[in-house]
Every structure is written in structure tokens, then in C-alpha cells.
Protein backbone atom coordinates (compact mmCIF):
# COMPACT_ATOMS: atom_id res chain seq x y z
CA UNK A 1 147.42 78.20 77.74
CA UNK A 2 145.29 78.98 80.81
CA UNK A 3 145.91 77.69 84.35
CA UNK A 4 143.42 74.85 83.96
CA UNK A 5 145.22 73.54 80.88
CA UNK A 6 148.62 73.84 82.57
CA UNK A 7 147.42 71.79 85.56
CA UNK A 8 145.67 69.26 83.34
CA UNK A 9 148.79 68.82 81.20
CA UNK A 10 151.08 68.52 84.21
CA UNK A 11 149.04 65.80 85.88
CA UNK A 12 148.04 63.86 82.76
CA UNK A 13 151.15 64.06 80.58
CA UNK A 14 153.92 64.33 83.14
CA UNK A 15 154.90 62.19 86.09
CA UNK A 16 153.97 64.88 88.61
CA UNK A 17 152.43 64.09 91.98
CA UNK A 18 152.01 67.61 93.36
CA UNK A 19 152.12 71.22 92.18
CA UNK A 20 153.17 74.13 94.40
CA UNK A 21 152.78 77.85 94.12
CA UNK A 22 154.51 80.38 96.38
CA UNK A 23 152.64 83.66 96.85
CA UNK A 24 154.56 86.52 98.40
CA UNK A 25 153.15 89.58 96.70
CA UNK A 26 153.73 92.54 99.04
CA UNK A 27 150.27 94.00 98.35
CA UNK A 28 147.95 92.10 100.68
CA UNK A 29 144.76 92.62 98.64
CA UNK A 30 146.43 91.15 95.55
CA UNK A 31 147.64 88.26 97.67
CA UNK A 32 144.11 87.65 98.94
CA UNK A 33 142.76 87.66 95.38
CA UNK A 34 145.49 85.29 94.22
CA UNK A 35 144.86 82.94 97.15
CA UNK A 36 141.14 82.96 96.34
CA UNK A 37 141.84 82.14 92.70
CA UNK A 38 144.15 79.25 93.55
CA UNK A 39 141.65 77.87 96.10
CA UNK A 40 138.94 78.01 93.43
CA UNK A 41 141.14 75.90 91.14
CA UNK A 42 141.65 73.39 93.98
CA UNK A 43 144.90 74.44 95.69
CA UNK A 44 145.14 74.44 99.49
CA UNK A 45 147.34 76.56 101.73
CA UNK A 46 150.07 74.20 102.92
CA UNK A 47 152.19 76.67 104.76
CA UNK A 48 152.85 80.26 105.69
CA UNK A 49 156.29 81.78 106.10
CA UNK A 50 155.74 84.78 108.33
CA UNK A 51 157.60 87.99 107.51
CA UNK A 52 159.48 86.11 104.78
CA UNK A 53 159.59 88.58 101.87
CA UNK A 54 161.01 92.10 102.16
CA UNK A 55 159.77 94.92 99.91
CA UNK A 56 159.60 98.69 100.27
CA UNK A 57 161.04 98.61 103.78
CA UNK A 58 158.49 96.11 105.07
CA UNK A 59 158.29 92.35 105.59
CA UNK A 60 155.41 90.31 104.18
CA UNK A 61 154.19 86.75 104.64
CA UNK A 62 154.71 84.12 101.95
CA UNK A 63 152.03 81.49 101.40
CA UNK A 64 152.80 78.06 100.00
CA UNK A 65 149.88 76.49 98.17
CA UNK A 66 149.73 72.96 96.84
CA UNK A 67 147.55 70.69 94.74
CA UNK A 68 147.93 66.91 94.69
CA UNK A 69 147.28 64.94 91.53
CA UNK A 70 144.74 62.84 93.47
CA UNK A 71 142.84 66.01 94.48
CA UNK A 72 142.85 67.26 90.91
CA UNK A 73 141.58 63.92 89.62
CA UNK A 74 138.70 63.96 92.15
CA UNK A 75 137.66 67.43 90.90
CA UNK A 76 137.60 66.21 87.31
CA UNK A 77 135.26 63.25 87.97
């Protein structure tokens, strides 16, 4: 099941109002690619926790991304 089907199923078959995804991959380029992918699907950055995740002796930011059911429904029209 791809991401589109997961989102579609969550909003249509479940009583879900909003989906969230936390991105805290320590490799910044991967994080940028992931953020771009989620934005393309319709997610928005809702928050940033600075220096939140610790890996390999370094702190990294965590991004919180969200998608409302109403936003998803507007994309599907």
C-alpha cells in the first residue's frame, strides 16, 4: 500500500481529522527530500523542534508535518 492509499484510507474509512509525521533523520539532505515528498502529498510543516534529536554526537532538528482531512479532501476534488 503506497502513501496515497494510506492517507485515502485513513481519511475515508476512519474517523481521523488530521495526520502527523515527525521527521528527525540526522542526515539533512534525506530530511530535505522527505520534507519535499510530504509537501508534494499535501502535508505542511506545523512545527520545528530545534536540536531535538541526538545522533553521532550531534543534535538535529525535528520537523512536525501535518495534513488535515479537509485539506486532503480539497486536493481530491
